[in-house]
C-alpha atoms as a PDB file:
ATOM      1  CA  MET A   1    -152.010  76.315  58.282  1.00  0.00           C
ATOM      2  CA  GLN A   2    -148.527  74.980  58.930  1.00  0.00           C
ATOM      3  CA  ALA A   3    -148.031  71.528  60.480  1.00  0.00           C
ATOM      4  CA  ILE A   4    -145.307  71.692  63.129  1.00  0.00           C
ATOM      5  CA  THR A   5    -143.422  69.315  65.409  1.00  0.00           C
ATOM      6  CA  SER A   6    -141.644  69.710  68.728  1.00  0.00           C
ATOM      7  CA  LYS A   7    -138.517  70.743  66.801  1.00  0.00           C
ATOM      8  CA  ASP A   8    -140.325  73.701  65.193  1.00  0.00           C
ATOM      9  CA  PHE A   9    -142.002  74.719  68.396  1.00  0.00           C
ATOM     10  CA  GLU A  10    -139.039  76.563  69.904  1.00  0.00           C
ATOM     11  CA  HIS A  11    -139.492  79.411  67.425  1.00  0.00           C
ATOM     12  CA  ILE A  12    -143.275  79.456  67.258  1.00  0.00           C
ATOM     13  CA  GLY A  13    -144.616  82.981  67.363  1.00  0.00           C
ATOM     14  CA  ASP A  14    -141.236  84.606  66.769  1.00  0.00           C
ATOM     15  CA  ASP A  15    -142.394  86.280  63.581  1.00  0.00           C
ATOM     16  CA  THR A  16    -145.958  87.378  64.426  1.00  0.00           C
ATOM     17  CA  ALA A  17    -147.657  89.146  67.323  1.00  0.00           C
ATOM     18  CA  VAL A  18    -150.390  86.468  67.586  1.00  0.00           C
ATOM     19  CA  THR A  19    -149.961  82.770  66.813  1.00  0.00           C
ATOM     20  CA  VAL A  20    -152.638  80.104  67.227  1.00  0.00           C
ATOM     21  CA  VAL A  21    -151.434  76.512  67.633  1.00  0.00           C
ATOM     22  CA  ASP A  22    -154.011  73.762  67.217  1.00  0.00           C
ATOM     23  CA  PHE A  23    -153.280  70.632  69.271  1.00  0.00           C
ATOM     24  CA  TRP A  24    -155.119  67.752  67.595  1.00  0.00           C
ATOM     25  CA  ALA A  25    -155.088  64.019  66.794  1.00  0.00           C
ATOM     26  CA  ASP A  26    -156.207  61.973  63.812  1.00  0.00           C
ATOM     27  CA  TRP A  27    -158.766  59.998  65.840  1.00  0.00           C
ATOM     28  CA  CYS A  28    -160.426  63.108  67.329  1.00  0.00           C
ATOM     29  CA  GLY A  29    -163.826  63.894  65.784  1.00  0.00           C
ATOM     30  CA  PRO A  30    -164.094  67.486  67.077  1.00  0.00           C
ATOM     31  CA  CYS A  31    -160.541  68.112  65.825  1.00  0.00           C
ATOM     32  CA  LYS A  32    -161.661  67.186  62.319  1.00  0.00           C
ATOM     33  CA  MET A  33    -164.465  69.741  62.631  1.00  0.00           C
ATOM     34  CA  GLN A  34    -162.115  72.453  63.944  1.00  0.00           C
ATOM     35  CA  THR A  35    -159.465  72.120  61.222  1.00  0.00           C
ATOM     36  CA  PRO A  36    -161.500  73.626  58.345  1.00  0.00           C
ATOM     37  CA  VAL A  37    -162.541  76.514  60.602  1.00  0.00           C
ATOM     38  CA  LEU A  38    -158.900  77.264  61.381  1.00  0.00           C
ATOM     39  CA  GLU A  39    -157.907  76.937  57.721  1.00  0.00           C
ATOM     40  CA  ASP A  40    -160.586  79.514  56.805  1.00  0.00           C
ATOM     41  CA  LEU A  41    -159.390  81.872  59.534  1.00  0.00           C
ATOM     42  CA  ASP A  42    -155.803  81.411  58.345  1.00  0.00           C
ATOM     43  CA  LYS A  43    -156.863  82.656  54.903  1.00  0.00           C
ATOM     44  CA  ASP A  44    -158.927  85.495  56.391  1.00  0.00           C
ATOM     45  CA  TYR A  45    -156.147  86.848  58.612  1.00  0.00           C
ATOM     46  CA  GLY A  46    -153.260  86.402  56.177  1.00  0.00           C
ATOM     47  CA  ASP A  47    -150.026  87.672  57.725  1.00  0.00           C
ATOM     48  CA  GLN A  48    -151.762  89.204  60.767  1.00  0.00           C
ATOM     49  CA  VAL A  49    -152.040  85.895  62.627  1.00  0.00           C
ATOM     50  CA  LYS A  50    -150.019  82.728  62.207  1.00  0.00           C
ATOM     51  CA  PHE A  51    -151.852  79.394  62.462  1.00  0.00           C
ATOM     52  CA  ALA A  52    -150.086  76.097  63.112  1.00  0.00           C
ATOM     53  CA  SER A  53    -151.143  72.555  63.989  1.00  0.00           C
ATOM     54  CA  LEU A  54    -149.415  70.001  66.163  1.00  0.00           C
ATOM     55  CA  ASP A  55    -150.325  66.296  66.320  1.00  0.00           C
ATOM     56  CA  VAL A  56    -150.401  65.351  70.022  1.00  0.00           C
ATOM     57  CA  ASP A  57    -149.855  61.659  69.274  1.00  0.00           C
ATOM     58  CA  LYS A  58    -146.521  62.435  67.611  1.00  0.00           C
ATOM     59  CA  ASN A  59    -145.526  65.163  70.112  1.00  0.00           C
ATOM     60  CA  GLN A  60    -146.792  63.885  73.463  1.00  0.00           C
ATOM     61  CA  ASP A  61    -144.019  65.422  75.582  1.00  0.00           C
ATOM     62  CA  LEU A  62    -144.682  68.919  74.267  1.00  0.00           C
ATOM     63  CA  ALA A  63    -148.443  68.592  74.679  1.00  0.00           C
ATOM     64  CA  GLN A  64    -147.918  67.385  78.240  1.00  0.00           C
ATOM     65  CA  SER A  65    -145.497  70.211  79.066  1.00  0.00           C
ATOM     66  CA  LEU A  66    -148.143  72.759  78.014  1.00  0.00           C
ATOM     67  CA  GLY A  67    -150.849  71.041  80.054  1.00  0.00           C
ATOM     68  CA  ILE A  68    -152.883  69.840  77.085  1.00  0.00           C
ATOM     69  CA  MET A  69    -155.390  67.432  78.661  1.00  0.00           C
ATOM     70  CA  SER A  70    -158.184  67.564  76.075  1.00  0.00           C
ATOM     71  CA  ILE A  71    -158.286  68.119  72.337  1.00  0.00           C
ATOM     72  CA  PRO A  72    -158.855  70.055  70.278  1.00  0.00           C
ATOM     73  CA  SER A  73    -156.958  72.684  72.228  1.00  0.00           C
ATOM     74  CA  LEU A  74    -155.806  75.986  70.842  1.00  0.00           C
ATOM     75  CA  VAL A  75    -152.854  77.656  72.530  1.00  0.00           C
ATOM     76  CA  ILE A  76    -152.610  81.377  71.868  1.00  0.00           C
ATOM     77  CA  PHE A  77    -149.124  82.869  71.711  1.00  0.00           C
ATOM     78  CA  LYS A  78    -148.692  86.603  72.023  1.00  0.00           C
ATOM     79  CA  ASN A  79    -145.258  87.897  71.048  1.00  0.00           C
ATOM     80  CA  GLY A  80    -143.824  84.363  71.214  1.00  0.00           C
ATOM     81  CA  MET A  81    -145.159  83.459  74.670  1.00  0.00           C
ATOM     82  CA  PRO A  82    -148.050  81.062  75.378  1.00  0.00           C
ATOM     83  CA  THR A  83    -150.684  83.138  77.127  1.00  0.00           C
ATOM     84  CA  GLU A  84    -154.044  81.392  76.810  1.00  0.00           C
ATOM     85  CA  LYS A  85    -155.637  78.053  76.003  1.00  0.00           C
ATOM     86  CA  VAL A  86    -159.024  77.399  74.426  1.00  0.00           C
ATOM     87  CA  VAL A  87    -160.395  73.852  74.643  1.00  0.00           C
ATOM     88  CA  GLY A  88    -163.036  72.170  72.480  1.00  0.00           C
ATOM     89  CA  PHE A  89    -164.650  72.931  69.145  1.00  0.00           C
ATOM     90  CA  HIS A  90    -165.550  76.561  68.453  1.00  0.00           C
ATOM     91  CA  PRO A  91    -167.394  77.946  65.412  1.00  0.00           C
ATOM     92  CA  LYS A  92    -165.663  80.399  63.108  1.00  0.00           C
ATOM     93  CA  SER A  93    -167.605  83.443  64.326  1.00  0.00           C
ATOM     94  CA  ALA A  94    -166.671  82.812  67.965  1.00  0.00           C
ATOM     95  CA  LEU A  95    -162.986  82.225  67.178  1.00  0.00           C
ATOM     96  CA  LYS A  96    -162.841  85.289  64.931  1.00  0.00           C
ATOM     97  CA  LYS A  97    -164.237  87.474  67.707  1.00  0.00           C
ATOM     98  CA  TYR A  98    -161.748  85.982  70.185  1.00  0.00           C
ATOM     99  CA  ILE A  99    -158.740  86.379  67.856  1.00  0.00           C
ATOM    100  CA  ASP A 100    -159.749  89.961  67.047  1.00  0.00           C
ATOM    101  CA  GLU A 101    -159.628  90.676  70.804  1.00  0.00           C
ATOM    102  CA  LYS A 102    -156.141  89.146  71.047  1.00  0.00           C
ATOM    103  CA  LEU A 103    -154.940  91.275  68.131  1.00  0.00           C
ATOM    104  CA  THR A 104    -156.291  94.388  69.833  1.00  0.00           C
ATOM    105  CA  GLU A 105    -154.414  93.475  73.025  1.00  0.00           C
ATOM    106  CA  VAL A 106    -151.040  93.176  71.287  1.00  0.00           C
ATOM    107  CA  THR A 107    -151.433  96.284  69.149  1.00  0.00           C
ATOM    108  CA  ALA A 108    -152.824  98.538  71.882  1.00  0.00           C
END
């Protein structure tokens, strides 16, 4: 999973149909639980889905511009555009099912 900043964000999702960006902070307990789940999914999906993480404390303006009010928040990009937001901790099985649906939507 690639750590990104506001500078990298302009081109997020340019190279994959589905990109998942994790908005997190060091002090956030649920974020620390979500990270290993996302790292596992990153390995499982390989090049099919891009996973990235963005520290909201270091990129407050970007988080605010996307309406991130709670963390962890996952913003789903389809073909480079933010389309959905998922808030809170989610187990691997639930996220896998959700991401599989998003992949079906962009390949249909």
